[in-house]
Amino acid sequence: MEPSSGPRVSVICPTFNRSRPILDTLASVTAQSVTDWEMLVVSDGSSDDTDDWVRHAARTDPRIRLLRTPRHGHPSGPRNLALAEARGAVIAYLDHDDQWRENHLEVVLSLIDRGAELVATGFELRDPEGAPTAASQPYEMCWHPEFQLLGVVFEPSRVAHRRGLAERAGGWRAGAGMEDWDLWLRMTDAGARFTTVADRTTVLLDDSGSRRHRISPRHQLRLAVFDEPRAAHTMLQLLRSGRDDAAHRAAQLADTDDWLARLAADGQFVKPLGWNGDPAADIARARECASQELWRDLVVVRQQNRFILAQPLRCATAEHAERVTSLVRRNQPRLFALLDTVAAECAEALAGAGSR
C-alpha cells in the first residue's frame, strides 16, 4: 500500500432524498471491523431532510462528512466530487440504499494487501421489507475482460479500488446507461484487473422501483439488418413463433461451452480467491434452471435507411454496443449462422412476394 496521511479508506456514498433510512446505510459503515476510514456522503441537491440525518450521524461520528452539491440527477457527478475530496489510499463505494456486513472493509483490504488494485465481493439481495430474495454464487464472482465487456458484473457497493484508478480511466460519466459498467470497462481497457472473493459482504436492495430498473436501453445488439421493414418484422415474428427454438438453443449452448472453455484457459480468467469449483459446470447447471425463452425482448429499429432486428442493450455508448455485437458474433458462430439463414429466408420471401 502507498503511504497516506489520511484514513486508509474513503467510502463514497451519493444520496438524494433518502431521509431517515440513510442511517441504516451509515450504521453499516460505523459497524465495520476496520475503523480507519472516512465516509463522504454527497447529497445531490436533496430537498428533504436527508442532509439533517447525515449531519446528525456526523455529530456522533466525525469520520462521516456531508458534502452537498447542486442537483445532478445522476450519481456520477457526486461520486466525482467525492473522489476529488477523498484522502484514503483505497476508495470504496456504497449506494445509499445498500448496506455492508461488518467484515466488508476487512475483506476488501485483505485483497488490496495481497496486491489487488480493483476488487469485488459477493452479495445478498433483500426486498424493501428486509426479506432475502437471492444471493451471489461463487461462479458469479468469476471475471474476465470479456465478461466485463458483455455485462454488468458488479454493483458499486461491492467494489473498491486503489486511489487514482478511477481518475486515470476518466472518472465517472453521466449518461443513460449503466455508469458502473461503463467505468469498470474503461478501467479494464486501461489494464486494470478485478480480484474477487465469494464472501457475501454486501446487502443490496432488490426493488423494481430503484433507478437501475428504470434505465431505458438506448443501444442494441444487432441480430440482422434489412432494407425493408417487412422483412425485419417477418423475422421477428418467426423467431417469436418458436419454430427454430430447439436448434437455436442447442447452437447457443454449444457456442457458450466453447467460449467458457477458451476463457478458462486464458491467463486473464479470474476465480474468486479460495474457490476451486468448476465455473463451466456451475454455469451449465444455472442455465438448466433459467428461463428457456430466447427472443422475448427483440425490437425492430430504423437506422438511416436500414431496419435492424436487435436485442436492447443498457450500455452507455454506441461504441460499447458495437463492441458487444462484434464479440457476441465471434463467440456465438453456430447461433449466428442459423440467424443469418433465417434472415436470408425472410428477405428472399419478401423479394419473391414483390416479384409476383
Protein backbone atom coordinates (compact mmCIF):
# COMPACT_ATOMS: atom_id res chain seq x y z
CA MET A 1 0.00 0.00 0.00
CA GLU A 2 1.09 3.57 -0.67
CA PRO A 3 1.68 5.62 2.47
CA SER A 4 -1.13 8.04 3.25
CA SER A 5 -1.50 10.81 5.80
CA GLY A 6 -5.27 10.39 5.76
CA PRO A 7 -7.57 7.50 6.61
CA ARG A 8 -6.87 4.21 4.90
CA VAL A 9 -10.27 4.01 3.19
CA SER A 10 -12.55 6.67 1.75
CA VAL A 11 -16.16 5.48 1.49
CA ILE A 12 -18.15 7.32 -1.19
CA CYS A 13 -21.94 7.42 -0.86
CA PRO A 14 -24.05 9.56 -3.22
CA THR A 15 -27.57 10.23 -1.99
CA PHE A 16 -30.77 12.01 -2.94
CA ASN A 17 -33.86 12.38 -0.75
CA ARG A 18 -33.18 9.20 1.23
CA SER A 19 -34.30 10.78 4.53
CA ARG A 20 -34.03 8.76 7.75
CA PRO A 21 -33.37 5.33 6.11
CA ILE A 22 -29.89 6.55 5.19
CA LEU A 23 -29.00 6.00 8.85
CA ASP A 24 -29.09 2.24 8.25
CA THR A 25 -26.52 2.62 5.47
CA LEU A 26 -24.32 4.83 7.64
CA ALA A 27 -24.63 2.42 10.58
CA SER A 28 -23.34 -0.43 8.42
CA VAL A 29 -20.14 1.59 7.94
CA THR A 30 -19.70 2.63 11.55
CA ALA A 31 -20.08 -1.04 12.49
CA GLN A 32 -17.10 -2.11 10.33
CA SER A 33 -14.37 -4.15 12.00
CA VAL A 34 -11.91 -1.85 10.19
CA THR A 35 -12.07 1.59 11.81
CA ASP A 36 -9.57 3.60 9.74
CA TRP A 37 -11.98 5.19 7.27
CA GLU A 38 -13.76 8.37 6.29
CA MET A 39 -17.22 8.43 4.74
CA LEU A 40 -18.10 11.09 2.19
CA VAL A 41 -21.88 11.34 1.83
CA VAL A 42 -22.65 13.52 -1.18
CA SER A 43 -26.15 14.96 -1.17
CA ASP A 44 -27.18 15.54 -4.78
CA GLY A 45 -29.33 18.60 -4.09
CA SER A 46 -31.60 16.73 -1.68
CA SER A 47 -34.81 18.66 -0.98
CA ASP A 48 -35.99 16.66 2.04
CA ASP A 49 -34.38 16.11 5.46
CA THR A 50 -31.63 13.75 4.24
CA ASP A 51 -28.88 16.28 4.98
CA ASP A 52 -30.13 16.74 8.54
CA TRP A 53 -29.95 13.00 9.21
CA VAL A 54 -26.42 12.84 7.81
CA ARG A 55 -25.38 15.81 9.95
CA HIS A 56 -26.89 14.06 12.98
CA ALA A 57 -24.81 10.95 12.24
CA ALA A 58 -21.69 13.08 11.70
CA ARG A 59 -22.08 14.70 15.11
CA THR A 60 -22.00 11.21 16.61
CA ASP A 61 -19.13 10.01 14.40
CA PRO A 62 -16.88 12.72 12.90
CA ARG A 63 -15.49 10.24 10.34
CA ILE A 64 -18.73 10.90 8.42
CA ARG A 65 -18.64 14.06 6.27
CA LEU A 66 -21.56 15.61 4.40
CA LEU A 67 -20.83 17.17 1.02
CA ARG A 68 -23.62 18.98 -0.78
CA THR A 69 -23.81 19.65 -4.50
CA PRO A 70 -26.39 21.25 -6.80
CA ARG A 71 -28.69 18.67 -8.35
CA HIS A 72 -27.07 16.43 -10.99
CA GLY A 73 -29.86 13.86 -11.20
CA HIS A 74 -27.21 11.18 -11.65
CA PRO A 75 -24.74 9.62 -9.15
CA SER A 76 -21.66 10.12 -11.33
CA GLY A 77 -21.26 13.82 -10.55
CA PRO A 78 -21.47 13.32 -6.77
CA ARG A 79 -19.04 10.39 -6.96
CA ASN A 80 -16.51 12.50 -8.88
CA LEU A 81 -16.85 15.28 -6.32
CA ALA A 82 -16.14 12.80 -3.52
CA LEU A 83 -13.15 11.35 -5.40
CA ALA A 84 -11.66 14.86 -5.51
CA GLU A 85 -12.17 15.22 -1.74
CA ALA A 86 -11.12 11.69 -0.75
CA ARG A 87 -7.98 11.28 1.36
CA GLY A 88 -7.89 7.48 1.64
CA ALA A 89 -5.46 5.21 -0.22
CA VAL A 90 -8.42 2.94 -1.02
CA ILE A 91 -11.77 4.05 -2.46
CA ALA A 92 -14.89 2.04 -1.59
CA TYR A 93 -18.40 2.74 -2.88
CA LEU A 94 -21.72 2.35 -1.09
CA ASP A 95 -25.08 3.29 -2.58
CA HIS A 96 -27.47 4.97 -0.20
CA ASP A 97 -29.99 2.09 -0.16
CA ASP A 98 -27.41 -0.70 0.34
CA GLN A 99 -25.52 -1.89 3.41
CA TRP A 100 -22.29 -3.66 4.28
CA ARG A 101 -21.75 -6.56 6.60
CA GLU A 102 -19.29 -5.70 9.37
CA ASN A 103 -16.38 -7.51 7.67
CA HIS A 104 -16.69 -5.82 4.26
CA LEU A 105 -13.74 -3.45 4.57
CA GLU A 106 -11.68 -6.14 6.28
CA VAL A 107 -12.18 -8.45 3.29
CA VAL A 108 -11.54 -5.64 0.80
CA LEU A 109 -8.28 -4.60 2.46
CA SER A 110 -7.08 -8.19 2.68
CA LEU A 111 -7.26 -8.32 -1.12
CA ILE A 112 -5.57 -4.94 -1.53
CA ASP A 113 -2.79 -6.06 0.81
CA ARG A 114 -2.18 -9.05 -1.48
CA GLY A 115 -1.55 -6.68 -4.36
CA ALA A 116 -5.04 -6.26 -5.85
CA GLU A 117 -5.92 -2.88 -7.35
CA LEU A 118 -9.62 -3.43 -8.13
CA VAL A 119 -11.74 -5.78 -6.02
CA ALA A 120 -15.32 -7.06 -5.77
CA THR A 121 -17.15 -9.13 -3.17
CA GLY A 122 -20.29 -11.26 -3.12
CA PHE A 123 -23.77 -10.07 -2.15
CA GLU A 124 -27.16 -10.87 -0.72
CA LEU A 125 -30.31 -9.27 -2.17
CA ARG A 126 -33.13 -8.17 0.13
CA ASP A 127 -36.51 -6.66 -0.67
CA PRO A 128 -37.67 -3.34 0.84
CA GLU A 129 -39.08 -5.25 3.85
CA GLY A 130 -35.68 -6.85 4.50
CA ALA A 131 -36.53 -10.38 3.34
CA PRO A 132 -33.73 -12.18 1.41
CA THR A 133 -34.54 -12.74 -2.27
CA ALA A 134 -31.26 -14.01 -3.75
CA ALA A 135 -27.52 -14.32 -3.13
CA SER A 136 -24.40 -14.46 -5.25
CA GLN A 137 -22.88 -17.81 -6.08
CA PRO A 138 -19.11 -18.39 -6.33
CA TYR A 139 -19.16 -18.93 -10.08
CA GLU A 140 -20.78 -15.50 -10.48
CA MET A 141 -17.63 -13.99 -8.98
CA CYS A 142 -15.51 -15.30 -11.86
CA TRP A 143 -14.19 -12.48 -14.03
CA HIS A 144 -12.57 -11.94 -17.40
CA PRO A 145 -12.25 -8.83 -19.59
CA GLU A 146 -14.83 -10.35 -21.97
CA PHE A 147 -17.31 -10.79 -19.10
CA GLN A 148 -16.75 -7.12 -18.29
CA LEU A 149 -17.45 -6.09 -21.87
CA LEU A 150 -20.63 -8.14 -22.13
CA GLY A 151 -22.43 -7.42 -18.89
CA VAL A 152 -22.91 -5.54 -15.65
CA VAL A 153 -20.94 -7.79 -13.34
CA PHE A 154 -20.50 -5.86 -10.07
CA GLU A 155 -22.66 -3.14 -8.48
CA PRO A 156 -20.75 -0.17 -6.94
CA SER A 157 -21.46 -1.20 -3.34
CA ARG A 158 -19.43 -4.38 -3.94
CA VAL A 159 -16.40 -2.66 -5.47
CA ALA A 160 -13.30 -0.92 -4.12
CA HIS A 161 -10.06 0.16 -5.77
CA ARG A 162 -6.79 1.89 -5.16
CA ARG A 163 -6.95 5.66 -5.15
CA GLY A 164 -6.42 7.24 -8.57
CA LEU A 165 -7.61 4.28 -10.61
CA ALA A 166 -10.98 5.84 -11.48
CA GLU A 167 -9.46 9.19 -12.42
CA ARG A 168 -6.88 7.55 -14.71
CA ALA A 169 -9.77 5.87 -16.56
CA GLY A 170 -11.60 9.18 -17.00
CA GLY A 171 -13.75 9.20 -13.86
CA TRP A 172 -17.46 8.53 -13.52
CA ARG A 173 -19.54 9.61 -16.51
CA ALA A 174 -23.16 10.61 -16.60
CA GLY A 175 -25.45 9.16 -19.24
CA ALA A 176 -28.43 6.96 -19.91
CA GLY A 177 -26.60 3.67 -19.40
CA MET A 178 -25.07 1.80 -16.50
CA GLU A 179 -22.32 4.15 -15.30
CA ASP A 180 -20.65 1.44 -13.19
CA TRP A 181 -20.48 -0.94 -16.18
CA ASP A 182 -19.00 1.92 -18.20
CA LEU A 183 -16.32 2.79 -15.61
CA TRP A 184 -15.29 -0.80 -14.85
CA LEU A 185 -14.94 -1.38 -18.61
CA ARG A 186 -12.79 1.71 -19.06
CA MET A 187 -10.65 0.59 -16.12
CA THR A 188 -10.33 -2.83 -17.79
CA ASP A 189 -9.38 -1.23 -21.11
CA ALA A 190 -6.68 0.72 -19.23
CA GLY A 191 -5.21 -2.53 -17.90
CA ALA A 192 -6.89 -2.96 -14.50
CA ARG A 193 -7.98 -6.45 -13.47
CA PHE A 194 -10.53 -7.46 -10.84
CA THR A 195 -9.66 -9.66 -7.88
CA THR A 196 -12.77 -11.25 -6.35
CA VAL A 197 -13.95 -13.26 -3.37
CA ALA A 198 -17.11 -15.27 -2.86
CA ASP A 199 -17.72 -13.80 0.63
CA ARG A 200 -21.12 -12.09 0.69
CA THR A 201 -20.12 -8.89 2.42
CA THR A 202 -22.78 -6.61 0.89
CA VAL A 203 -26.55 -6.42 1.22
CA LEU A 204 -28.16 -4.88 -1.85
CA LEU A 205 -31.70 -3.55 -2.16
CA ASP A 206 -33.85 -5.63 -4.51
CA ASP A 207 -36.53 -3.17 -5.57
CA SER A 208 -38.09 -2.89 -9.03
CA GLY A 209 -38.57 0.83 -8.37
CA SER A 210 -34.85 1.54 -7.99
CA ARG A 211 -33.01 3.66 -10.55
CA ARG A 212 -31.19 0.67 -12.08
CA HIS A 213 -34.52 -0.87 -13.09
CA ARG A 214 -35.74 2.40 -14.62
CA ILE A 215 -32.85 2.81 -17.06
CA SER A 216 -34.11 2.52 -20.64
CA PRO A 217 -31.94 0.74 -23.20
CA ARG A 218 -30.59 3.23 -25.74
CA HIS A 219 -28.45 0.85 -27.81
CA GLN A 220 -28.82 -2.52 -29.49
CA LEU A 221 -27.05 -5.79 -30.23
CA ARG A 222 -27.74 -6.33 -33.93
CA LEU A 223 -29.03 -9.74 -34.98
CA ALA A 224 -29.95 -8.94 -38.59
CA VAL A 225 -30.10 -5.95 -40.94
CA PHE A 226 -32.70 -5.47 -43.69
CA ASP A 227 -33.52 -2.98 -46.41
CA GLU A 228 -37.27 -3.40 -45.85
CA PRO A 229 -39.16 -3.14 -42.54
CA ARG A 230 -41.49 -6.00 -43.52
CA ALA A 231 -38.54 -8.41 -43.69
CA ALA A 232 -37.35 -7.37 -40.23
CA HIS A 233 -40.82 -7.79 -38.74
CA THR A 234 -41.24 -11.14 -40.51
CA MET A 235 -38.05 -12.41 -38.88
CA LEU A 236 -39.16 -11.03 -35.52
CA GLN A 237 -42.43 -12.95 -35.73
CA LEU A 238 -40.67 -16.08 -36.96
CA LEU A 239 -38.27 -16.07 -34.00
CA ARG A 240 -41.07 -15.40 -31.55
CA SER A 241 -43.09 -18.27 -33.01
CA GLY A 242 -40.60 -20.73 -31.57
CA ARG A 243 -40.21 -22.60 -34.85
CA ASP A 244 -36.43 -22.83 -34.56
CA ASP A 245 -36.02 -22.60 -30.78
CA ALA A 246 -34.62 -26.11 -30.32
CA ALA A 247 -31.92 -25.60 -32.95
CA HIS A 248 -31.10 -22.10 -31.73
CA ARG A 249 -30.86 -23.23 -28.12
CA ALA A 250 -28.58 -26.14 -28.98
CA ALA A 251 -26.31 -23.85 -31.00
CA GLN A 252 -26.22 -21.26 -28.24
CA LEU A 253 -25.30 -23.86 -25.59
CA ALA A 254 -22.55 -25.37 -27.74
CA ASP A 255 -21.12 -21.93 -28.53
CA THR A 256 -21.20 -20.93 -24.86
CA ASP A 257 -19.44 -24.11 -23.79
CA ASP A 258 -16.66 -23.45 -26.29
CA TRP A 259 -16.40 -19.83 -25.20
CA LEU A 260 -16.15 -20.65 -21.50
CA ALA A 261 -13.54 -23.33 -22.17
CA ARG A 262 -11.46 -20.78 -24.06
CA LEU A 263 -11.76 -18.18 -21.32
CA ALA A 264 -10.95 -20.66 -18.55
CA ALA A 265 -7.68 -21.46 -20.31
CA ASP A 266 -6.80 -17.77 -20.60
CA GLY A 267 -4.38 -16.34 -18.04
CA GLN A 268 -6.69 -13.37 -17.52
CA PHE A 269 -9.52 -15.57 -16.20
CA VAL A 270 -10.18 -14.86 -12.50
CA LYS A 271 -11.79 -17.17 -9.97
CA PRO A 272 -12.79 -15.90 -6.53
CA LEU A 273 -9.91 -16.43 -4.13
CA GLY A 274 -10.18 -19.68 -2.22
CA TRP A 275 -12.74 -21.25 -4.57
CA ASN A 276 -11.72 -24.31 -6.55
CA GLY A 277 -15.04 -25.08 -8.22
CA ASP A 278 -15.72 -25.59 -11.93
CA PRO A 279 -17.34 -22.41 -13.30
CA ALA A 280 -18.35 -24.06 -16.58
CA ALA A 281 -20.23 -26.83 -14.75
CA ASP A 282 -21.93 -24.35 -12.41
CA ILE A 283 -22.93 -22.10 -15.29
CA ALA A 284 -24.34 -25.12 -17.16
CA ARG A 285 -26.46 -26.04 -14.13
CA ALA A 286 -27.65 -22.45 -13.83
CA ARG A 287 -28.67 -22.44 -17.49
CA GLU A 288 -30.77 -25.54 -16.96
CA CYS A 289 -32.75 -23.70 -14.29
CA ALA A 290 -33.06 -20.47 -16.26
CA SER A 291 -35.93 -19.38 -18.45
CA GLN A 292 -35.97 -21.09 -21.83
CA GLU A 293 -37.42 -18.08 -23.68
CA LEU A 294 -34.84 -16.96 -26.22
CA TRP A 295 -36.23 -13.99 -28.11
CA ARG A 296 -38.61 -12.17 -25.76
CA ASP A 297 -37.03 -8.70 -25.85
CA LEU A 298 -36.29 -8.28 -29.55
CA VAL A 299 -37.09 -4.97 -31.25
CA VAL A 300 -37.00 -3.57 -34.78
CA VAL A 301 -35.30 -0.18 -35.03
CA ARG A 302 -34.63 2.09 -38.00
CA GLN A 303 -31.10 3.35 -38.59
CA GLN A 304 -30.88 5.71 -41.55
CA ASN A 305 -32.47 3.66 -44.36
CA ARG A 306 -31.92 0.21 -42.84
CA PHE A 307 -34.05 -1.79 -40.41
CA ILE A 308 -32.33 -3.61 -37.57
CA LEU A 309 -33.63 -6.62 -35.66
CA ALA A 310 -31.86 -6.33 -32.32
CA GLN A 311 -31.71 -7.05 -28.62
CA PRO A 312 -31.79 -3.88 -26.47
CA LEU A 313 -28.63 -3.01 -24.54
CA ARG A 314 -28.38 -0.76 -21.49
CA CYS A 315 -24.71 0.04 -22.03
CA ALA A 316 -23.63 3.67 -22.01
CA THR A 317 -22.33 4.28 -25.53
CA ALA A 318 -22.87 3.26 -29.13
CA GLU A 319 -19.18 2.29 -29.31
CA HIS A 320 -19.69 -0.13 -26.43
CA ALA A 321 -22.73 -1.62 -28.17
CA GLU A 322 -20.65 -2.16 -31.33
CA ARG A 323 -18.02 -3.97 -29.28
CA VAL A 324 -20.68 -6.16 -27.68
CA THR A 325 -22.16 -7.03 -31.08
CA SER A 326 -18.75 -7.91 -32.52
CA LEU A 327 -17.76 -10.08 -29.55
CA VAL A 328 -21.09 -11.92 -29.37
CA ARG A 329 -20.92 -12.71 -33.09
CA ARG A 330 -17.40 -14.11 -32.65
CA ASN A 331 -18.36 -16.13 -29.58
CA GLN A 332 -21.64 -17.49 -30.96
CA PRO A 333 -20.76 -18.62 -34.51
CA ARG A 334 -23.24 -21.53 -34.66
CA LEU A 335 -26.13 -19.43 -33.43
CA PHE A 336 -25.44 -16.51 -35.77
CA ALA A 337 -25.05 -18.86 -38.74
CA LEU A 338 -28.60 -20.04 -38.05
CA LEU A 339 -29.85 -16.48 -37.58
CA ASP A 340 -28.21 -15.42 -40.84
CA THR A 341 -30.05 -18.27 -42.57
CA VAL A 342 -33.38 -17.11 -41.14
CA ALA A 343 -32.64 -13.51 -42.18
CA ALA A 344 -31.89 -14.62 -45.74
CA GLU A 345 -35.10 -16.67 -45.78
CA CYS A 346 -37.18 -13.65 -44.73
CA ALA A 347 -35.52 -11.31 -47.23
CA GLU A 348 -35.96 -13.83 -50.07
CA ALA A 349 -39.60 -14.44 -49.18
CA LEU A 350 -40.30 -10.70 -49.32
CA ALA A 351 -38.45 -10.36 -52.62
CA GLY A 352 -40.39 -13.30 -54.05
CA ALA A 353 -43.71 -11.82 -52.95
CA GLY A 354 -42.77 -8.50 -54.56
CA SER A 355 -41.94 -10.10 -57.90
CA ARG A 356 -45.32 -11.79 -58.22
